[in-house]
Each structure stands twice: as structure tokens, then as C-alpha cells.
Amino acid sequence: MNFFFPWAGCFAFQLLFAYLVNLIPIQTAFVIASVVSLTLVSGYLLLAKGIRFARWAALAQLTYMVLFSYSFFFDGLSGLTITIGEIVTLAILMVATARVNWTDKFARPPKNPPPIPVAKAPN
């Protein structure tokens, strides 16, 4: 359920936007749907995981859901906009993880050998 509720909050963006766009101007519908979705997801994660996690999640949702979706408003530039976003993301991840020893991170923990049975002394 901890994965379902944030997913549902993200899906609320698409669903609300799709229905609002027929009733109000497209930009207004986009802003309302974005605010509702961000509030649902970050509010839930605030309660479930705390303020620090909720802030990072809100930033990620704003960047990768809202701004990604908004890129489709740029006629002929949505592909370039998405590509630039992906390159910036890659650069940030490369800098943040440059000193990580991936062999250690992905190593399987050593298996503990079964305990050696201890023979009891005869009485």
C-alpha cells in the first residue's frame, strides 16, 4: 500500500487534468492538477516517511512528472526538452555517485555457515 498510494496520487494528475481541460483553460487545468497531485503524494509521504523524504519526493515529482508533462506544451521542442532533462539528471547522478564502490553496494552478503553441532559429554 505504501507504493500504491503515491502511485495513485501521481495518477490523479493525469485523471484530473484530462477532465478539467474540457471545462477550464488548459494552463489553469494543468496547474490545478499539478498542485492536487503534489499535495496528495508529498502529504502522504510526509506522514509515512517524514519531512526530508517528502521534500525529495515532491522535488522528484515536480521535476519528472509535472515538468515532463509541461514539456509537451512546447510545440516541436518537447523531445529536446525531455532530452535535456535526462542529460541533467544523468549528470547529477554521475556526480553524486562518482565515489560509490558499486561492487560493494551490489555484493551479496556472505552466507553464514551452519552452526557446528556440539557433542554432549557422556554422563
C-alpha atoms as a PDB file:
ATOM      1  CA  MET A   1       0.000   0.000   0.000  1.00  0.00           C
ATOM      2  CA  ASN A   2       2.938   2.349   0.610  1.00  0.00           C
ATOM      3  CA  PHE A   3       3.714   2.143  -3.107  1.00  0.00           C
ATOM      4  CA  PHE A   4       0.093   2.162  -4.249  1.00  0.00           C
ATOM      5  CA  PHE A   5      -0.916   5.442  -2.607  1.00  0.00           C
ATOM      6  CA  PRO A   6       1.901   7.584  -4.109  1.00  0.00           C
ATOM      7  CA  TRP A   7       1.239   5.953  -7.480  1.00  0.00           C
ATOM      8  CA  ALA A   8      -2.458   6.792  -7.164  1.00  0.00           C
ATOM      9  CA  GLY A   9      -1.545  10.370  -6.217  1.00  0.00           C
ATOM     10  CA  CYS A  10       0.559  10.656  -9.372  1.00  0.00           C
ATOM     11  CA  PHE A  11      -2.221   9.152 -11.454  1.00  0.00           C
ATOM     12  CA  ALA A  12      -4.600  11.766 -10.022  1.00  0.00           C
ATOM     13  CA  PHE A  13      -2.665  14.334 -12.065  1.00  0.00           C
ATOM     14  CA  GLN A  14      -3.478  12.692 -15.392  1.00  0.00           C
ATOM     15  CA  LEU A  15      -7.051  11.902 -14.469  1.00  0.00           C
ATOM     16  CA  LEU A  16      -7.906  15.341 -13.089  1.00  0.00           C
ATOM     17  CA  PHE A  17      -6.126  17.142 -15.924  1.00  0.00           C
ATOM     18  CA  ALA A  18      -7.961  15.086 -18.546  1.00  0.00           C
ATOM     19  CA  TYR A  19     -11.364  16.043 -17.124  1.00  0.00           C
ATOM     20  CA  LEU A  20     -10.599  19.666 -16.183  1.00  0.00           C
ATOM     21  CA  VAL A  21      -9.208  20.549 -19.608  1.00  0.00           C
ATOM     22  CA  ASN A  22     -12.732  20.292 -21.057  1.00  0.00           C
ATOM     23  CA  LEU A  23     -14.101  22.800 -18.533  1.00  0.00           C
ATOM     24  CA  ILE A  24     -11.423  25.436 -17.926  1.00  0.00           C
ATOM     25  CA  PRO A  25      -8.386  26.854 -19.784  1.00  0.00           C
ATOM     26  CA  ILE A  26      -5.638  24.292 -20.323  1.00  0.00           C
ATOM     27  CA  GLN A  27      -2.967  26.150 -18.313  1.00  0.00           C
ATOM     28  CA  THR A  28      -5.309  26.525 -15.331  1.00  0.00           C
ATOM     29  CA  ALA A  29      -6.274  22.848 -15.538  1.00  0.00           C
ATOM     30  CA  PHE A  30      -2.589  21.902 -15.618  1.00  0.00           C
ATOM     31  CA  VAL A  31      -1.750  23.974 -12.542  1.00  0.00           C
ATOM     32  CA  ILE A  32      -4.726  22.633 -10.548  1.00  0.00           C
ATOM     33  CA  ALA A  33      -3.953  19.011 -11.449  1.00  0.00           C
ATOM     34  CA  SER A  34      -0.265  19.531 -10.572  1.00  0.00           C
ATOM     35  CA  VAL A  35      -0.993  21.097  -7.188  1.00  0.00           C
ATOM     36  CA  VAL A  36      -3.517  18.392  -6.279  1.00  0.00           C
ATOM     37  CA  SER A  37      -1.149  15.577  -7.237  1.00  0.00           C
ATOM     38  CA  LEU A  38       1.863  17.115  -5.491  1.00  0.00           C
ATOM     39  CA  THR A  39      -0.235  17.688  -2.366  1.00  0.00           C
ATOM     40  CA  LEU A  40      -1.540  14.113  -2.334  1.00  0.00           C
ATOM     41  CA  VAL A  41       1.841  12.459  -2.828  1.00  0.00           C
ATOM     42  CA  SER A  42       4.004  14.709  -0.668  1.00  0.00           C
ATOM     43  CA  GLY A  43       1.338  14.854   2.066  1.00  0.00           C
ATOM     44  CA  TYR A  44       1.142  11.074   2.229  1.00  0.00           C
ATOM     45  CA  LEU A  45       4.925  10.681   2.205  1.00  0.00           C
ATOM     46  CA  LEU A  46       5.245  13.352   4.887  1.00  0.00           C
ATOM     47  CA  LEU A  47       3.044  11.278   7.162  1.00  0.00           C
ATOM     48  CA  ALA A  48       4.589   7.937   6.157  1.00  0.00           C
ATOM     49  CA  LYS A  49       8.315   8.786   5.911  1.00  0.00           C
ATOM     50  CA  GLY A  50       8.898  12.274   7.329  1.00  0.00           C
ATOM     51  CA  ILE A  51       9.650  15.753   6.053  1.00  0.00           C
ATOM     52  CA  ARG A  52      13.039  15.054   4.463  1.00  0.00           C
ATOM     53  CA  PHE A  53      11.775  12.192   2.311  1.00  0.00           C
ATOM     54  CA  ALA A  54       8.612  14.124   1.409  1.00  0.00           C
ATOM     55  CA  ARG A  55      10.658  17.107   0.206  1.00  0.00           C
ATOM     56  CA  TRP A  56      12.854  14.952  -2.035  1.00  0.00           C
ATOM     57  CA  ALA A  57       9.810  13.131  -3.382  1.00  0.00           C
ATOM     58  CA  ALA A  58       7.995  16.405  -4.099  1.00  0.00           C
ATOM     59  CA  LEU A  59      11.053  17.715  -5.947  1.00  0.00           C
ATOM     60  CA  ALA A  60      11.296  14.497  -7.966  1.00  0.00           C
ATOM     61  CA  GLN A  61       7.580  14.539  -8.768  1.00  0.00           C
ATOM     62  CA  LEU A  62       7.716  18.191  -9.774  1.00  0.00           C
ATOM     63  CA  THR A  63      10.717  17.548 -11.996  1.00  0.00           C
ATOM     64  CA  TYR A  64       9.832  14.226 -13.569  1.00  0.00           C
ATOM     65  CA  MET A  65       6.049  14.331 -13.730  1.00  0.00           C
ATOM     66  CA  VAL A  66       4.982  17.956 -13.852  1.00  0.00           C
ATOM     67  CA  LEU A  67       7.834  19.444 -15.888  1.00  0.00           C
ATOM     68  CA  PHE A  68       7.949  16.383 -18.153  1.00  0.00           C
ATOM     69  CA  SER A  69       4.242  16.800 -18.841  1.00  0.00           C
ATOM     70  CA  TYR A  70       4.612  20.548 -19.320  1.00  0.00           C
ATOM     71  CA  SER A  71       7.273  19.968 -21.976  1.00  0.00           C
ATOM     72  CA  PHE A  72       4.508  18.855 -24.345  1.00  0.00           C
ATOM     73  CA  PHE A  73       3.250  22.450 -24.446  1.00  0.00           C
ATOM     74  CA  PHE A  74       6.403  23.455 -26.346  1.00  0.00           C
ATOM     75  CA  ASP A  75       5.493  22.796 -29.995  1.00  0.00           C
ATOM     76  CA  GLY A  76       8.331  20.970 -31.695  1.00  0.00           C
ATOM     77  CA  LEU A  77      10.598  21.191 -28.652  1.00  0.00           C
ATOM     78  CA  SER A  78       9.200  18.544 -26.314  1.00  0.00           C
ATOM     79  CA  GLY A  79      11.746  15.906 -27.393  1.00  0.00           C
ATOM     80  CA  LEU A  80      14.652  18.304 -26.936  1.00  0.00           C
ATOM     81  CA  THR A  81      13.283  19.459 -23.573  1.00  0.00           C
ATOM     82  CA  ILE A  82      12.962  15.868 -22.331  1.00  0.00           C
ATOM     83  CA  THR A  83      16.441  15.011 -23.627  1.00  0.00           C
ATOM     84  CA  ILE A  84      17.986  17.980 -21.809  1.00  0.00           C
ATOM     85  CA  GLY A  85      16.174  16.925 -18.614  1.00  0.00           C
ATOM     86  CA  GLU A  86      17.528  13.394 -18.965  1.00  0.00           C
ATOM     87  CA  ILE A  87      21.083  14.639 -19.537  1.00  0.00           C
ATOM     88  CA  VAL A  88      20.909  16.935 -16.499  1.00  0.00           C
ATOM     89  CA  THR A  89      19.571  14.019 -14.426  1.00  0.00           C
ATOM     90  CA  LEU A  90      22.391  11.785 -15.640  1.00  0.00           C
ATOM     91  CA  ALA A  91      24.985  14.432 -14.790  1.00  0.00           C
ATOM     92  CA  ILE A  92      23.583  14.884 -11.269  1.00  0.00           C
ATOM     93  CA  LEU A  93      23.563  11.120 -10.661  1.00  0.00           C
ATOM     94  CA  MET A  94      27.084  10.723 -12.027  1.00  0.00           C
ATOM     95  CA  VAL A  95      28.439  13.452  -9.745  1.00  0.00           C
ATOM     96  CA  ALA A  96      26.511  12.195  -6.709  1.00  0.00           C
ATOM     97  CA  THR A  97      27.684   8.591  -7.120  1.00  0.00           C
ATOM     98  CA  ALA A  98      31.183   9.012  -8.556  1.00  0.00           C
ATOM     99  CA  ARG A  99      32.880   7.718  -5.398  1.00  0.00           C
ATOM    100  CA  VAL A 100      30.470   4.856  -4.720  1.00  0.00           C
ATOM    101  CA  ASN A 101      32.067   1.422  -4.852  1.00  0.00           C
ATOM    102  CA  TRP A 102      29.371  -0.372  -6.836  1.00  0.00           C
ATOM    103  CA  THR A 103      30.994  -3.765  -6.298  1.00  0.00           C
ATOM    104  CA  ASP A 104      30.433  -3.380  -2.554  1.00  0.00           C
ATOM    105  CA  LYS A 105      26.919  -1.978  -2.989  1.00  0.00           C
ATOM    106  CA  PHE A 106      25.777  -4.884  -5.165  1.00  0.00           C
ATOM    107  CA  ALA A 107      27.717  -7.611  -3.338  1.00  0.00           C
ATOM    108  CA  ARG A 108      25.662 -10.323  -1.761  1.00  0.00           C
ATOM    109  CA  PRO A 109      26.056 -10.607   1.980  1.00  0.00           C
ATOM    110  CA  PRO A 110      28.211 -13.588   2.971  1.00  0.00           C
ATOM    111  CA  LYS A 111      26.272 -16.667   3.845  1.00  0.00           C
ATOM    112  CA  ASN A 112      26.689 -17.781   7.431  1.00  0.00           C
ATOM    113  CA  PRO A 113      27.848 -21.381   7.672  1.00  0.00           C
ATOM    114  CA  PRO A 114      25.505 -23.677   9.563  1.00  0.00           C
ATOM    115  CA  PRO A 115      26.365 -23.984  13.236  1.00  0.00           C
ATOM    116  CA  ILE A 116      28.640 -26.880  14.195  1.00  0.00           C
ATOM    117  CA  PRO A 117      26.787 -29.309  16.440  1.00  0.00           C
ATOM    118  CA  VAL A 118      28.367 -29.694  19.828  1.00  0.00           C
ATOM    119  CA  ALA A 119      28.515 -33.221  21.141  1.00  0.00           C
ATOM    120  CA  LYS A 120      27.393 -33.639  24.718  1.00  0.00           C
ATOM    121  CA  ALA A 121      29.766 -35.353  27.138  1.00  0.00           C
ATOM    122  CA  PRO A 122      28.522 -38.725  28.400  1.00  0.00           C
ATOM    123  CA  ASN A 123      27.109 -38.695  31.936  1.00  0.00           C
END
